[in-house]
Amino acid sequence: MLFTVIDVPFADQIHFFYLSDLNSPDFAPGPESLECRLFKEEDIPWDQIAFPTITRTLRFFFDDRRTGLFRTHHIILRKP
């Protein structure tokens, strides 16, 4: 499911994030990541997340999970 579409005009980018199921407990970082881990919401190191698009997507996810209604979100990310 398409979950977030985030326009990043100052970088001339559009970021797309999808929801999916983790079919196996075996996962690993890809070539552009140093590490990957699963966290409980309360254990996420928010100040260590490198990209604001990831932070926004995670916050949308936890908000939607609380309501039980997952929808597609679209925002325009402005320069901080």
N, C-alpha and C. Protein backbone atom coordinates (compact mmCIF):
# COMPACT_ATOMS: atom_id res chain seq x y z
N MET A 1 0.84 -1.17 0.00
CA MET A 1 0.00 0.00 0.00
C MET A 1 0.89 1.24 0.00
N LEU A 2 0.59 2.19 -0.88
CA LEU A 2 1.29 3.47 -0.87
C LEU A 2 0.90 4.19 0.42
N PHE A 3 1.88 4.54 1.23
CA PHE A 3 1.60 5.10 2.55
C PHE A 3 1.90 6.60 2.62
N THR A 4 3.09 7.01 2.22
CA THR A 4 3.38 8.44 2.22
C THR A 4 4.02 8.85 0.90
N VAL A 5 3.63 10.04 0.47
CA VAL A 5 4.25 10.71 -0.66
C VAL A 5 4.71 12.04 -0.10
N ILE A 6 6.01 12.25 -0.12
CA ILE A 6 6.56 13.47 0.47
C ILE A 6 7.34 14.22 -0.60
N ASP A 7 6.83 15.39 -0.95
CA ASP A 7 7.53 16.27 -1.89
C ASP A 7 8.64 16.98 -1.12
N VAL A 8 9.83 16.94 -1.68
CA VAL A 8 10.99 17.62 -1.09
C VAL A 8 11.51 18.59 -2.15
N PRO A 9 10.82 19.73 -2.34
CA PRO A 9 11.15 20.61 -3.46
C PRO A 9 12.55 21.21 -3.40
N PHE A 10 13.08 21.45 -2.21
CA PHE A 10 14.41 22.05 -2.12
C PHE A 10 15.51 21.08 -2.55
N ALA A 11 15.18 19.79 -2.65
CA ALA A 11 16.13 18.79 -3.13
C ALA A 11 15.72 18.23 -4.50
N ASP A 12 14.63 18.79 -5.07
CA ASP A 12 14.08 18.30 -6.33
C ASP A 12 13.81 16.79 -6.27
N GLN A 13 13.17 16.36 -5.17
CA GLN A 13 12.88 14.94 -4.98
C GLN A 13 11.43 14.74 -4.52
N ILE A 14 10.94 13.55 -4.77
CA ILE A 14 9.68 13.08 -4.21
C ILE A 14 9.98 11.71 -3.60
N HIS A 15 9.63 11.53 -2.33
CA HIS A 15 9.89 10.27 -1.64
C HIS A 15 8.58 9.50 -1.50
N PHE A 16 8.61 8.23 -1.86
CA PHE A 16 7.46 7.34 -1.75
C PHE A 16 7.77 6.27 -0.71
N PHE A 17 6.83 6.04 0.20
CA PHE A 17 6.98 4.98 1.21
C PHE A 17 5.76 4.08 1.14
N TYR A 18 6.01 2.79 1.25
CA TYR A 18 4.94 1.80 1.15
C TYR A 18 4.86 0.99 2.44
N LEU A 19 3.66 0.56 2.79
CA LEU A 19 3.47 -0.38 3.89
C LEU A 19 3.51 -1.79 3.32
N SER A 20 4.15 -2.67 4.05
CA SER A 20 4.17 -4.07 3.64
C SER A 20 4.36 -4.93 4.88
N ASP A 21 4.31 -6.22 4.69
CA ASP A 21 4.51 -7.16 5.80
C ASP A 21 5.94 -7.66 5.80
N LEU A 22 6.46 -7.90 6.98
CA LEU A 22 7.77 -8.52 7.13
C LEU A 22 7.52 -10.03 7.20
N ASN A 23 7.87 -10.73 6.14
CA ASN A 23 7.55 -12.15 6.03
C ASN A 23 8.53 -13.06 6.75
N SER A 24 9.66 -12.52 7.16
CA SER A 24 10.68 -13.33 7.80
C SER A 24 11.41 -12.46 8.82
N PRO A 25 11.88 -13.05 9.89
CA PRO A 25 12.66 -12.26 10.86
C PRO A 25 14.07 -11.97 10.36
N ASP A 26 14.40 -12.48 9.18
CA ASP A 26 15.73 -12.25 8.61
C ASP A 26 15.69 -11.01 7.72
N PHE A 27 16.42 -9.96 8.11
CA PHE A 27 16.50 -8.75 7.31
C PHE A 27 17.89 -8.16 7.52
N ALA A 28 18.29 -7.31 6.60
CA ALA A 28 19.63 -6.72 6.66
C ALA A 28 19.61 -5.37 5.96
N PRO A 29 20.57 -4.50 6.28
CA PRO A 29 20.63 -3.22 5.58
C PRO A 29 21.02 -3.41 4.13
N GLY A 30 20.58 -2.47 3.31
CA GLY A 30 20.97 -2.48 1.91
C GLY A 30 22.27 -1.72 1.73
N PRO A 31 22.67 -1.50 0.49
CA PRO A 31 23.97 -0.86 0.22
C PRO A 31 24.05 0.59 0.69
N GLU A 32 22.92 1.26 0.92
CA GLU A 32 22.96 2.66 1.33
C GLU A 32 22.74 2.84 2.83
N SER A 33 22.71 1.75 3.59
CA SER A 33 22.47 1.83 5.03
C SER A 33 23.59 1.15 5.79
N LEU A 34 23.93 1.70 6.94
CA LEU A 34 24.95 1.08 7.77
C LEU A 34 24.36 -0.01 8.65
N GLU A 35 23.14 0.21 9.12
CA GLU A 35 22.50 -0.78 9.98
C GLU A 35 20.98 -0.64 9.88
N CYS A 36 20.29 -1.67 10.30
CA CYS A 36 18.83 -1.61 10.41
C CYS A 36 18.42 -2.46 11.60
N ARG A 37 17.39 -1.99 12.30
CA ARG A 37 16.89 -2.69 13.48
C ARG A 37 15.40 -2.43 13.59
N LEU A 38 14.73 -3.29 14.32
CA LEU A 38 13.32 -3.09 14.63
C LEU A 38 13.22 -2.50 16.04
N PHE A 39 12.31 -1.53 16.21
CA PHE A 39 12.14 -0.86 17.50
C PHE A 39 10.68 -0.85 17.89
N LYS A 40 10.43 -0.88 19.19
CA LYS A 40 9.12 -0.52 19.70
C LYS A 40 9.01 1.00 19.57
N GLU A 41 7.80 1.50 19.45
CA GLU A 41 7.62 2.94 19.27
C GLU A 41 8.34 3.75 20.34
N GLU A 42 8.23 3.33 21.58
CA GLU A 42 8.82 4.10 22.68
C GLU A 42 10.35 4.03 22.71
N ASP A 43 10.93 3.13 21.95
CA ASP A 43 12.39 2.97 21.94
C ASP A 43 13.07 3.59 20.71
N ILE A 44 12.30 4.19 19.84
CA ILE A 44 12.89 4.76 18.62
C ILE A 44 13.80 5.94 18.99
N PRO A 45 15.02 5.94 18.51
CA PRO A 45 15.94 7.06 18.78
C PRO A 45 15.65 8.22 17.80
N TRP A 46 14.58 8.95 18.06
CA TRP A 46 14.10 9.98 17.13
C TRP A 46 15.20 10.96 16.73
N ASP A 47 16.05 11.33 17.65
CA ASP A 47 17.09 12.32 17.36
C ASP A 47 18.23 11.76 16.51
N GLN A 48 18.22 10.45 16.26
CA GLN A 48 19.27 9.83 15.45
C GLN A 48 18.80 9.48 14.04
N ILE A 49 17.55 9.76 13.73
CA ILE A 49 17.04 9.46 12.39
C ILE A 49 17.56 10.53 11.44
N ALA A 50 18.21 10.09 10.39
CA ALA A 50 18.94 11.01 9.51
C ALA A 50 18.04 11.90 8.64
N PHE A 51 16.88 11.40 8.24
CA PHE A 51 16.08 12.12 7.26
C PHE A 51 14.70 12.46 7.80
N PRO A 52 14.26 13.70 7.65
CA PRO A 52 12.94 14.09 8.14
C PRO A 52 11.80 13.34 7.45
N THR A 53 12.01 12.86 6.24
CA THR A 53 10.95 12.09 5.58
C THR A 53 10.69 10.78 6.31
N ILE A 54 11.73 10.20 6.88
CA ILE A 54 11.57 8.96 7.65
C ILE A 54 10.82 9.26 8.95
N THR A 55 11.22 10.33 9.62
CA THR A 55 10.55 10.71 10.87
C THR A 55 9.07 10.96 10.63
N ARG A 56 8.74 11.72 9.59
CA ARG A 56 7.33 12.02 9.31
C ARG A 56 6.55 10.75 8.99
N THR A 57 7.15 9.86 8.20
CA THR A 57 6.47 8.62 7.84
C THR A 57 6.23 7.75 9.07
N LEU A 58 7.21 7.64 9.94
CA LEU A 58 7.03 6.86 11.16
C LEU A 58 5.93 7.46 12.04
N ARG A 59 5.90 8.76 12.16
CA ARG A 59 4.85 9.40 12.98
C ARG A 59 3.47 9.16 12.37
N PHE A 60 3.35 9.24 11.05
CA PHE A 60 2.08 8.91 10.39
C PHE A 60 1.69 7.46 10.70
N PHE A 61 2.67 6.56 10.63
CA PHE A 61 2.39 5.15 10.88
C PHE A 61 1.83 4.93 12.29
N PHE A 62 2.50 5.48 13.29
CA PHE A 62 2.05 5.25 14.66
C PHE A 62 0.70 5.93 14.93
N ASP A 63 0.49 7.10 14.35
CA ASP A 63 -0.82 7.76 14.48
C ASP A 63 -1.92 6.91 13.85
N ASP A 64 -1.67 6.42 12.64
CA ASP A 64 -2.66 5.59 11.95
C ASP A 64 -2.90 4.28 12.69
N ARG A 65 -1.83 3.71 13.22
CA ARG A 65 -1.99 2.45 13.95
C ARG A 65 -2.89 2.64 15.17
N ARG A 66 -2.76 3.79 15.84
CA ARG A 66 -3.61 4.07 17.00
C ARG A 66 -5.09 4.15 16.60
N THR A 67 -5.37 4.71 15.43
CA THR A 67 -6.76 4.84 14.99
C THR A 67 -7.27 3.58 14.30
N GLY A 68 -6.34 2.73 13.85
CA GLY A 68 -6.73 1.52 13.14
C GLY A 68 -7.07 1.76 11.68
N LEU A 69 -6.82 2.97 11.19
CA LEU A 69 -7.14 3.31 9.81
C LEU A 69 -5.88 3.82 9.11
N PHE A 70 -5.34 3.00 8.22
CA PHE A 70 -4.15 3.39 7.47
C PHE A 70 -4.59 4.02 6.16
N ARG A 71 -4.05 5.19 5.88
CA ARG A 71 -4.40 5.90 4.65
C ARG A 71 -3.13 6.42 4.01
N THR A 72 -3.24 6.91 2.80
CA THR A 72 -2.10 7.50 2.12
C THR A 72 -1.97 8.96 2.55
N HIS A 73 -0.76 9.35 2.91
CA HIS A 73 -0.48 10.72 3.35
C HIS A 73 0.35 11.42 2.28
N HIS A 74 0.07 12.68 2.05
CA HIS A 74 0.85 13.48 1.11
C HIS A 74 1.18 14.80 1.77
N ILE A 75 2.48 15.13 1.83
CA ILE A 75 2.89 16.41 2.39
C ILE A 75 4.00 17.00 1.53
N ILE A 76 4.20 18.29 1.70
CA ILE A 76 5.33 18.99 1.09
C ILE A 76 6.26 19.36 2.24
N LEU A 77 7.48 18.90 2.16
CA LEU A 77 8.46 19.17 3.21
C LEU A 77 9.22 20.44 2.85
N ARG A 78 9.14 21.40 3.71
CA ARG A 78 9.84 22.68 3.50
C ARG A 78 11.20 22.65 4.18
N LYS A 79 12.10 23.47 3.70
CA LYS A 79 13.42 23.57 4.33
C LYS A 79 13.27 24.00 5.78
N PRO A 80 14.04 23.37 6.67
CA PRO A 80 13.95 23.77 8.09
C PRO A 80 14.46 25.18 8.32
